[in-house]
Amino acid sequence: MSPEDYVTATKEILTTSPVIENWVVVAEMLLLDRGHFRVRMTLTNGDFVEASDFFHVRENQIEQQRYRYQWMDTKRQQLKKRWDNAPHFPQIETFPHHVHIGQEDNVRPSQMLGIDGLIAILEQELCC
């Protein structure tokens, strides 16, 4: 998969997800073997999500290098969840992957999601 293929597939998921009202690309940089994609979404319930991926292509597979996915309330004041892999919680068994739930200091183990995994979680939590 090329960086262009990855971003195209991600945009298709953003377009077809039943929980995403609208979305806008904030940054898109694609090179031969890496890229950066950042998008802001408004969900059907009015919540706000911002997702940012820095990724590489290795053996035709996408690998997220740095990521941050932040889900906020409709007023963008209350954190619902933020997934990231900043290396600041070495005690977490899934280090560096973790999720902040409800507030900055409520940190739990997490796995690397990718934007498609993030959208799957949003759909699971918000859909029918």
Protein backbone atom coordinates (compact mmCIF):
# COMPACT_ATOMS: atom_id res chain seq x y z
CA MET A 1 0.00 0.00 0.00
CA SER A 2 1.30 3.43 -0.86
CA PRO A 3 0.83 6.54 1.28
CA GLU A 4 -1.62 7.82 -1.35
CA ASP A 5 -3.62 4.57 -1.21
CA TYR A 6 -3.75 4.77 2.59
CA VAL A 7 -5.04 8.35 2.61
CA THR A 8 -7.56 7.59 -0.14
CA ALA A 9 -8.90 4.61 1.81
CA THR A 10 -9.06 6.71 4.99
CA LYS A 11 -11.04 9.43 3.20
CA GLU A 12 -13.47 6.79 1.94
CA ILE A 13 -14.04 5.58 5.52
CA LEU A 14 -14.56 9.17 6.68
CA THR A 15 -17.09 9.74 3.89
CA THR A 16 -19.11 6.56 4.48
CA SER A 17 -19.14 6.35 8.28
CA PRO A 18 -22.65 6.76 9.72
CA VAL A 19 -21.32 8.67 12.76
CA ILE A 20 -19.37 11.37 10.90
CA GLU A 21 -21.44 14.40 9.94
CA ASN A 22 -18.59 16.20 8.16
CA TRP A 23 -14.81 16.29 8.01
CA VAL A 24 -12.02 18.51 6.75
CA VAL A 25 -8.39 17.75 6.01
CA VAL A 26 -6.09 19.99 8.05
CA ALA A 27 -2.79 18.58 6.74
CA GLU A 28 -1.81 16.08 4.10
CA MET A 29 1.78 15.32 3.14
CA LEU A 30 2.58 12.27 1.06
CA LEU A 31 6.06 11.06 0.12
CA LEU A 32 7.13 7.78 -1.47
CA ASP A 33 7.42 5.81 1.77
CA ARG A 34 5.79 8.01 4.44
CA GLY A 35 3.20 10.64 5.10
CA HIS A 36 1.20 12.76 7.48
CA PHE A 37 -2.58 13.01 7.52
CA ARG A 38 -4.55 15.21 9.90
CA VAL A 39 -8.32 15.56 9.85
CA ARG A 40 -11.02 17.25 11.94
CA MET A 41 -14.44 15.66 12.20
CA THR A 42 -17.82 16.65 13.51
CA LEU A 43 -19.81 13.64 14.62
CA THR A 44 -23.54 13.21 14.16
CA ASN A 45 -24.07 13.90 17.87
CA GLY A 46 -22.14 17.19 17.53
CA ASP A 47 -18.92 15.98 19.20
CA PHE A 48 -15.54 17.00 17.77
CA VAL A 49 -12.69 14.65 16.85
CA GLU A 50 -9.23 15.49 15.59
CA ALA A 51 -6.98 12.73 14.26
CA SER A 52 -3.33 13.01 13.26
CA ASP A 53 -1.15 10.22 11.85
CA PHE A 54 2.52 10.28 10.89
CA PHE A 55 3.14 6.99 9.11
CA HIS A 56 5.68 4.95 7.14
CA VAL A 57 5.24 2.21 4.58
CA ARG A 58 7.18 -0.95 5.39
CA GLU A 59 6.86 -4.09 3.30
CA ASN A 60 3.75 -2.65 1.65
CA GLN A 61 2.05 -2.10 5.05
CA ILE A 62 1.22 1.15 6.81
CA GLU A 63 2.86 1.64 10.21
CA GLN A 64 1.83 4.59 12.38
CA GLN A 65 4.91 6.27 13.80
CA ARG A 66 3.24 8.99 15.81
CA TYR A 67 -0.46 9.43 16.28
CA ARG A 68 -2.94 11.43 18.31
CA TYR A 69 -6.71 11.03 18.18
CA GLN A 70 -8.70 13.38 20.40
CA TRP A 71 -12.47 13.15 20.99
CA MET A 72 -14.08 16.18 22.64
CA ASP A 73 -17.62 17.25 23.52
CA THR A 74 -19.62 19.54 21.25
CA LYS A 75 -18.13 22.69 22.82
CA ARG A 76 -14.58 21.30 22.55
CA GLN A 77 -14.05 21.84 26.26
CA GLN A 78 -14.46 18.38 27.80
CA LEU A 79 -12.14 15.54 26.82
CA LYS A 80 -13.95 12.29 26.15
CA LYS A 81 -10.93 10.25 25.04
CA ARG A 82 -7.49 10.83 23.58
CA TRP A 83 -5.38 8.03 22.17
CA ASP A 84 -1.70 8.65 21.51
CA ASN A 85 1.76 7.12 21.63
CA ALA A 86 3.74 9.96 23.21
CA PRO A 87 6.36 8.17 25.35
CA HIS A 88 5.42 9.69 28.70
CA PHE A 89 3.78 6.76 30.56
CA PRO A 90 6.42 3.99 30.67
CA GLN A 91 4.56 2.19 33.49
CA ILE A 92 1.62 1.38 31.18
CA GLU A 93 1.91 -2.21 29.92
CA THR A 94 1.08 -1.14 26.35
CA PHE A 95 3.76 1.59 26.39
CA PRO A 96 3.91 3.85 24.49
CA HIS A 97 0.28 3.32 23.44
CA HIS A 98 -2.31 4.69 25.87
CA VAL A 99 -5.67 6.44 26.13
CA HIS A 100 -6.72 9.35 28.34
CA ILE A 101 -10.35 8.93 29.41
CA GLY A 102 -12.36 11.92 30.56
CA GLN A 103 -9.35 13.82 31.90
CA GLU A 104 -5.62 14.09 31.34
CA ASP A 105 -4.57 12.10 34.40
CA ASN A 106 -6.92 9.14 33.81
CA VAL A 107 -4.57 7.10 31.61
CA ARG A 108 -5.24 3.51 30.58
CA PRO A 109 -3.54 0.94 28.34
CA SER A 110 -4.47 1.03 24.66
CA GLN A 111 -3.40 -0.36 21.33
CA MET A 112 -2.37 1.47 18.19
CA LEU A 113 -5.60 2.09 16.30
CA GLY A 114 -5.06 3.88 13.01
CA ILE A 115 -7.78 6.26 11.91
CA ASP A 116 -9.87 3.35 10.64
CA GLY A 117 -9.72 1.76 14.11
CA LEU A 118 -10.66 5.07 15.70
CA ILE A 119 -13.71 5.35 13.47
CA ALA A 120 -14.69 1.76 14.31
CA ILE A 121 -14.61 2.67 18.02
CA LEU A 122 -16.66 5.82 17.40
CA GLU A 123 -19.22 3.79 15.45
CA GLN A 124 -19.39 1.17 18.19
CA GLU A 125 -19.95 3.79 20.88
CA LEU A 126 -22.35 6.04 18.97
CA CYS A 127 -24.18 3.94 16.44
CA CYS A 128 -27.58 2.36 16.89
